[in-house]
Protein backbone atom coordinates (compact mmCIF):
# COMPACT_ATOMS: atom_id res chain seq x y z
CA UNK A 1 307.19 139.26 -50.35
CA UNK A 2 304.04 138.06 -51.82
CA UNK A 3 305.57 134.80 -53.21
CA UNK A 4 306.80 131.75 -51.46
CA UNK A 5 310.36 130.82 -50.72
CA UNK A 6 312.33 129.14 -53.46
CA UNK A 7 312.61 126.40 -51.74
CA UNK A 8 314.44 124.13 -54.19
CA UNK A 9 317.10 127.00 -54.49
CA UNK A 10 317.41 126.47 -50.69
CA UNK A 11 318.16 122.89 -50.89
CA UNK A 12 320.59 123.08 -53.84
CA UNK A 13 322.55 125.81 -52.08
CA UNK A 14 322.89 123.92 -49.14
CA UNK A 15 323.72 120.54 -50.96
CA UNK A 16 326.74 122.83 -52.60
CA UNK A 17 327.82 124.43 -49.35
CA UNK A 18 327.66 120.73 -47.67
CA UNK A 19 330.10 119.27 -50.79
CA UNK A 20 331.48 122.25 -51.14
CA UNK A 21 331.31 121.58 -55.20
CA UNK A 22 329.04 122.44 -57.86
CA UNK A 23 329.53 119.69 -59.49
CA UNK A 24 329.53 117.08 -57.03
CA UNK A 25 326.01 118.32 -56.05
CA UNK A 26 324.64 118.16 -58.93
CA UNK A 27 325.76 114.48 -59.24
CA UNK A 28 324.31 113.49 -56.21
CA UNK A 29 320.81 115.53 -56.84
CA UNK A 30 321.04 113.87 -60.11
CA UNK A 31 320.72 117.25 -61.88
CA UNK A 32 322.81 118.74 -64.67
CA UNK A 33 325.52 121.61 -63.18
CA UNK A 34 323.84 124.12 -65.33
CA UNK A 35 320.72 123.27 -63.14
CA UNK A 36 322.17 123.90 -59.62
CA UNK A 37 323.96 126.84 -61.08
CA UNK A 38 321.08 128.31 -62.14
CA UNK A 39 319.66 127.47 -58.62
CA UNK A 40 321.98 129.52 -56.81
CA UNK A 41 322.06 132.23 -59.17
CA UNK A 42 318.14 132.32 -58.67
CA UNK A 43 318.63 132.75 -55.12
CA UNK A 44 321.27 135.29 -55.49
CA UNK A 45 319.39 137.20 -57.57
CA UNK A 46 316.03 137.27 -55.14
CA UNK A 47 318.06 137.49 -51.84
CA UNK A 48 319.87 140.33 -54.04
CA UNK A 49 323.53 139.52 -52.41
CA UNK A 50 326.38 137.06 -54.11
CA UNK A 51 326.75 133.70 -52.03
CA UNK A 52 329.57 132.17 -53.25
CA UNK A 53 333.00 133.53 -54.49
CA UNK A 54 333.96 130.97 -57.06
CA UNK A 55 337.69 130.73 -59.14
CA UNK A 56 338.58 128.13 -61.37
CA UNK A 57 340.08 125.82 -57.79
CA UNK A 58 337.96 127.62 -54.79
CA UNK A 59 334.77 127.37 -53.72
CA UNK A 60 334.72 129.76 -50.88
CA UNK A 61 331.41 131.71 -49.05
CA UNK A 62 330.96 134.85 -48.56
CA UNK A 63 329.54 136.80 -45.62
CA UNK A 64 326.15 136.53 -46.67
CA UNK A 65 326.10 133.04 -47.82
CA UNK A 66 327.97 131.79 -44.34
CA UNK A 67 324.88 133.64 -42.63
CA UNK A 68 322.04 131.91 -45.27
CA UNK A 69 324.08 128.64 -44.95
CA UNK A 70 322.86 127.10 -41.91
CA UNK A 71 319.65 128.20 -42.26
CA UNK A 72 319.33 126.28 -45.44
CA UNK A 73 321.25 123.25 -44.31
CA UNK A 74 317.97 123.10 -41.54
CA UNK A 75 315.59 123.66 -44.47
CA UNK A 76 316.90 120.71 -46.15
CA UNK A 77 317.19 118.57 -43.61
CA UNK A 78 313.34 118.94 -42.57
CA UNK A 79 312.55 119.20 -45.92
CA UNK A 80 314.08 115.47 -46.45
CA UNK A 81 312.85 114.20 -42.30
CA UNK A 82 309.04 115.05 -43.61
CA UNK A 83 309.33 113.80 -46.95
CA UNK A 84 311.11 110.52 -45.56
CA UNK A 85 308.54 110.36 -42.81
CA UNK A 86 305.35 110.15 -45.74
CA UNK A 87 307.21 107.84 -47.79
CA UNK A 88 307.40 105.45 -44.25
CA UNK A 89 303.07 106.27 -43.58
CA UNK A 90 303.24 105.01 -47.02
CA UNK A 91 305.33 101.93 -47.98
CA UNK A 92 305.01 100.19 -44.09
CA UNK A 93 301.77 99.95 -42.70
CA UNK A 94 301.67 101.94 -39.67
CA UNK A 95 299.21 105.04 -38.53
CA UNK A 96 295.84 105.48 -38.05
CA UNK A 97 292.49 104.35 -40.17
CA UNK A 98 289.42 105.96 -39.73
CA UNK A 99 287.03 103.51 -40.98
CA UNK A 100 282.77 104.42 -41.48
CA UNK A 101 281.11 101.27 -40.89
CA UNK A 102 277.20 100.85 -40.94
CA UNK A 103 276.20 100.57 -37.41
CA UNK A 104 275.05 96.87 -37.01
CA UNK A 105 277.26 95.45 -39.26
CA UNK A 106 280.46 97.03 -38.02
CA UNK A 107 278.89 95.24 -34.76
CA UNK A 108 278.13 91.84 -35.85
CA UNK A 109 280.80 91.61 -38.67
CA UNK A 110 283.65 93.87 -38.20
CA UNK A 111 284.33 94.23 -34.69
CA UNK A 112 284.42 90.29 -34.23
CA UNK A 113 287.37 90.24 -36.60
CA UNK A 114 289.24 93.40 -35.55
CA UNK A 115 291.87 91.62 -32.97
CA UNK A 116 293.29 89.41 -35.42
CA UNK A 117 294.12 92.48 -37.40
CA UNK A 118 295.18 94.52 -34.98
CA UNK A 119 297.41 91.67 -33.70
CA UNK A 120 298.77 91.34 -37.11
CA UNK A 121 299.68 94.92 -37.76
CA UNK A 122 300.45 96.57 -34.67
CA UNK A 123 301.36 99.71 -35.85
CA UNK A 124 298.05 100.78 -37.22
CA UNK A 125 295.07 101.80 -35.27
CA UNK A 126 291.39 101.72 -36.43
CA UNK A 127 289.01 104.72 -35.50
CA UNK A 128 285.76 102.68 -36.24
CA UNK A 129 282.87 105.14 -36.66
CA UNK A 130 279.61 103.32 -36.74
CA UNK A 131 276.39 104.96 -38.24
CA UNK A 132 273.73 103.67 -40.92
CA UNK A 133 274.00 106.90 -42.69
CA UNK A 134 275.71 107.17 -45.26
CA UNK A 135 278.89 109.74 -44.04
CA UNK A 136 280.95 112.19 -46.72
CA UNK A 137 283.97 110.35 -46.80
CA UNK A 138 286.07 113.07 -48.22
CA UNK A 139 284.21 115.82 -46.25
CA UNK A 140 284.32 114.21 -42.89
CA UNK A 141 288.32 112.36 -43.24
CA UNK A 142 287.32 109.26 -44.12
CA UNK A 143 290.07 106.85 -45.26
CA UNK A 144 287.80 104.38 -46.09
CA UNK A 145 283.90 103.21 -45.68
CA UNK A 146 281.75 99.82 -45.93
CA UNK A 147 278.24 100.16 -48.16
CA UNK A 148 275.98 97.63 -47.72
CA UNK A 149 273.63 98.61 -50.58
CA UNK A 150 273.65 98.74 -55.09
CA UNK A 151 276.44 101.81 -55.22
CA UNK A 152 275.03 104.86 -56.52
CA UNK A 153 277.67 106.41 -59.19
CA UNK A 154 280.09 108.75 -57.62
CA UNK A 155 284.03 109.36 -57.50
CA UNK A 156 284.37 106.73 -54.96
CA UNK A 157 286.95 104.35 -55.94
CA UNK A 158 285.04 101.15 -54.69
CA UNK A 159 285.86 97.08 -54.08
CA UNK A 160 283.07 94.40 -53.72
CA UNK A 161 283.68 92.01 -51.34
CA UNK A 162 281.54 90.06 -50.77
CA UNK A 163 277.42 89.38 -51.66
CA UNK A 164 274.71 90.26 -48.91
CA UNK A 165 271.30 89.13 -49.78
CA UNK A 166 268.00 90.27 -48.36
CA UNK A 167 264.63 88.72 -47.35
CA UNK A 168 261.48 89.47 -46.64
CA UNK A 169 260.43 88.12 -43.56
CA UNK A 170 257.57 88.19 -41.17
CA UNK A 171 256.99 85.78 -37.70
CA UNK A 172 254.73 82.60 -37.72
CA UNK A 173 252.45 84.00 -35.47
CA UNK A 174 252.16 87.23 -37.63
CA UNK A 175 251.26 84.93 -40.76
CA UNK A 176 249.05 82.77 -39.01
CA UNK A 177 246.67 85.85 -38.13
CA UNK A 178 247.39 88.02 -41.06
CA UNK A 179 247.99 85.61 -43.70
CA UNK A 180 250.94 85.21 -46.15
CA UNK A 181 251.26 87.62 -48.89
CA UNK A 182 252.29 85.76 -52.29
CA UNK A 183 252.83 88.44 -54.44
CA UNK A 184 254.60 92.17 -53.76
CA UNK A 185 251.53 94.47 -54.30
CA UNK A 186 249.73 92.24 -51.92
CA UNK A 187 252.26 94.44 -49.06
CA UNK A 188 250.31 96.72 -49.27
CA UNK A 189 247.73 95.09 -47.67
CA UNK A 190 249.60 94.48 -44.35
CA UNK A 191 251.26 96.04 -41.63
CA UNK A 192 255.13 96.61 -43.05
CA UNK A 193 258.19 98.39 -41.38
CA UNK A 194 260.20 101.12 -42.44
CA UNK A 195 264.06 101.35 -42.56
CA UNK A 196 265.00 105.90 -42.82
CA UNK A 197 268.11 104.60 -44.68
CA UNK A 198 267.15 102.31 -47.42
CA UNK A 199 268.47 103.56 -50.86
CA UNK A 200 265.60 103.13 -52.85
CA UNK A 201 264.03 106.01 -50.28
CA UNK A 202 260.88 103.34 -48.82
CA UNK A 203 260.27 101.47 -52.15
CA UNK A 204 260.63 97.73 -52.29
CA UNK A 205 261.57 96.32 -55.59
CA UNK A 206 261.19 92.48 -56.83
CA UNK A 207 261.52 90.41 -59.36
CA UNK A 208 260.04 87.34 -60.49
CA UNK A 209 261.76 84.07 -62.62
CA UNK A 210 259.63 85.40 -65.85
CA UNK A 211 260.91 89.12 -65.48
CA UNK A 212 258.23 90.34 -64.28
CA UNK A 213 258.47 93.33 -62.02
CA UNK A 214 256.61 95.22 -58.89
CA UNK A 215 257.54 97.70 -57.10
CA UNK A 216 255.52 98.89 -53.35
CA UNK A 217 255.83 101.57 -51.01
CA UNK A 218 254.56 99.37 -47.86
CA UNK A 219 253.52 101.42 -44.67
CA UNK A 220 253.45 100.13 -41.14
CA UNK A 221 253.78 101.44 -36.84
CA UNK A 222 257.24 101.62 -37.19
CA UNK A 223 260.19 102.77 -39.14
CA UNK A 224 264.03 103.04 -37.76
CA UNK A 225 267.56 104.47 -38.65
CA UNK A 226 268.96 101.11 -37.52
CA UNK A 227 267.65 98.16 -39.23
CA UNK A 228 268.12 95.57 -36.16
CA UNK A 229 266.11 97.56 -34.30
CA UNK A 230 263.19 96.48 -36.17
CA UNK A 231 263.85 92.42 -35.13
CA UNK A 232 261.78 92.75 -32.16
CA UNK A 233 258.20 93.91 -33.54
CA UNK A 234 259.00 91.34 -36.80
CA UNK A 235 259.67 88.42 -34.36
CA UNK A 236 256.48 89.59 -31.79
CA UNK A 237 254.49 89.56 -34.97
CA UNK A 238 253.81 93.00 -35.38
CA UNK A 239 254.62 92.95 -38.68
CA UNK A 240 256.93 92.70 -41.81
CA UNK A 241 260.01 93.66 -42.39
CA UNK A 242 262.63 93.60 -45.16
CA UNK A 243 266.08 93.12 -44.03
CA UNK A 244 269.74 91.80 -44.51
CA UNK A 245 270.76 88.56 -43.91
CA UNK A 246 273.48 89.54 -41.52
CA UNK A 247 270.85 91.17 -39.41
CA UNK A 248 267.97 88.43 -40.20
CA UNK A 249 269.97 85.47 -40.70
CA UNK A 250 270.14 83.84 -37.56
CA UNK A 251 266.75 84.17 -36.95
CA UNK A 252 265.66 82.61 -40.15
CA UNK A 253 267.87 79.84 -39.17
CA UNK A 254 265.91 79.46 -35.75
CA UNK A 255 262.23 79.66 -37.34
CA UNK A 256 261.45 83.43 -35.42
CA UNK A 257 260.70 84.30 -38.85
CA UNK A 258 260.31 82.55 -41.99
CA UNK A 259 260.98 84.28 -45.55
CA UNK A 260 257.65 84.97 -47.16
CA UNK A 261 257.77 86.20 -51.11
CA UNK A 262 260.10 83.26 -52.01
CA UNK A 263 259.49 83.33 -55.53
CA UNK A 264 260.68 86.64 -55.89
CA UNK A 265 263.66 88.80 -55.69
CA UNK A 266 264.83 92.08 -54.78
CA UNK A 267 268.20 93.38 -56.39
CA UNK A 268 271.39 91.66 -55.20
CA UNK A 269 273.19 93.81 -52.90
CA UNK A 270 276.73 93.25 -51.42
CA UNK A 271 279.09 94.94 -49.19
CA UNK A 272 281.89 97.42 -50.92
CA UNK A 273 285.19 98.42 -49.55
CA UNK A 274 284.77 102.71 -50.95
CA UNK A 275 287.55 105.05 -50.74
CA UNK A 276 288.38 108.91 -51.50
CA UNK A 277 289.46 108.84 -55.25
CA UNK A 278 293.11 110.19 -55.71
CA UNK A 279 296.81 108.14 -56.34
CA UNK A 280 298.26 104.87 -54.10
CA UNK A 281 295.93 104.21 -51.06
CA UNK A 282 298.68 104.55 -47.95
CA UNK A 283 300.06 100.86 -46.87
CA UNK A 284 297.72 101.31 -43.64
CA UNK A 285 294.34 101.43 -45.70
CA UNK A 286 295.92 98.77 -48.27
CA UNK A 287 296.39 95.68 -45.72
CA UNK A 288 292.94 96.66 -44.11
CA UNK A 289 291.33 96.54 -47.63
CA UNK A 290 292.84 93.21 -47.90
CA UNK A 291 291.69 92.10 -44.88
CA UNK A 292 288.41 92.76 -45.44
CA UNK A 293 288.18 90.90 -48.60
CA UNK A 294 289.70 87.97 -47.04
CA UNK A 295 287.78 87.65 -44.00
CA UNK A 296 284.19 88.01 -46.34
CA UNK A 297 285.45 85.82 -48.88
CA UNK A 298 285.86 83.47 -46.15
CA UNK A 299 282.82 83.97 -44.51
CA UNK A 300 280.97 83.68 -47.68
CA UNK A 301 282.54 80.42 -48.21
CA UNK A 302 281.32 78.94 -45.13
CA UNK A 303 277.56 79.40 -46.10
């Protein structure tokens, strides 16, 4: 038999047996009596056997109907259980959320706030995947991810959580030895460190207040696939780097590095929550999304 079983007809048959009435089954299932009768007739035709003996006053199972009734009841019960479990997963926040986050941002900004979330939602578990590489959310089975960049066009659903500025920085010792660049094109004459996953493929873009634009592809001794790994070499005075605030903000505040090219700005970056396209998000994903939005909104206000 190549066709799939007629599960709808089996379920309707089981409900008729349970209630001993076509009319009662139709009422409980919110179907017309004709629809119920046609489903049972369809099942009888498919199986090649009569399932009920019907009179105007009495409905009785045939031998074939009796043999089928218990299995049909199990199919109906299993279907109802599966649906109820799926509904409870989607309506109540419980279950596993697989979340992909850039490495350093995950350690510095996400991990410290997870205890509050896990305490508030004890039936939700988090599988936190930390990597600066852009993961394929759909292909790798993630429920959500955080992206820190200007997002390219994609089918993913994106929600902006907060701004994330970038700064071009160098240590005072480097600037003392090599001079302070005042125009982005001067960076070509300096030692600059690279980040492998930069969304602009190794090119640094700048705009000043008058609208002038400049793009440069700097080069230097060090290239990494995690931005935080650049910081020790920058602080040591070995070169210039372009880093987001969550990595370099403390070093700027302490004076270990200085922001250069202050009259120039890079395209505004932001932290985005991205989720696969499709229908409504499960409650476990929705509560995490709202929690992250609230937390990063508060962090922005504190600054």
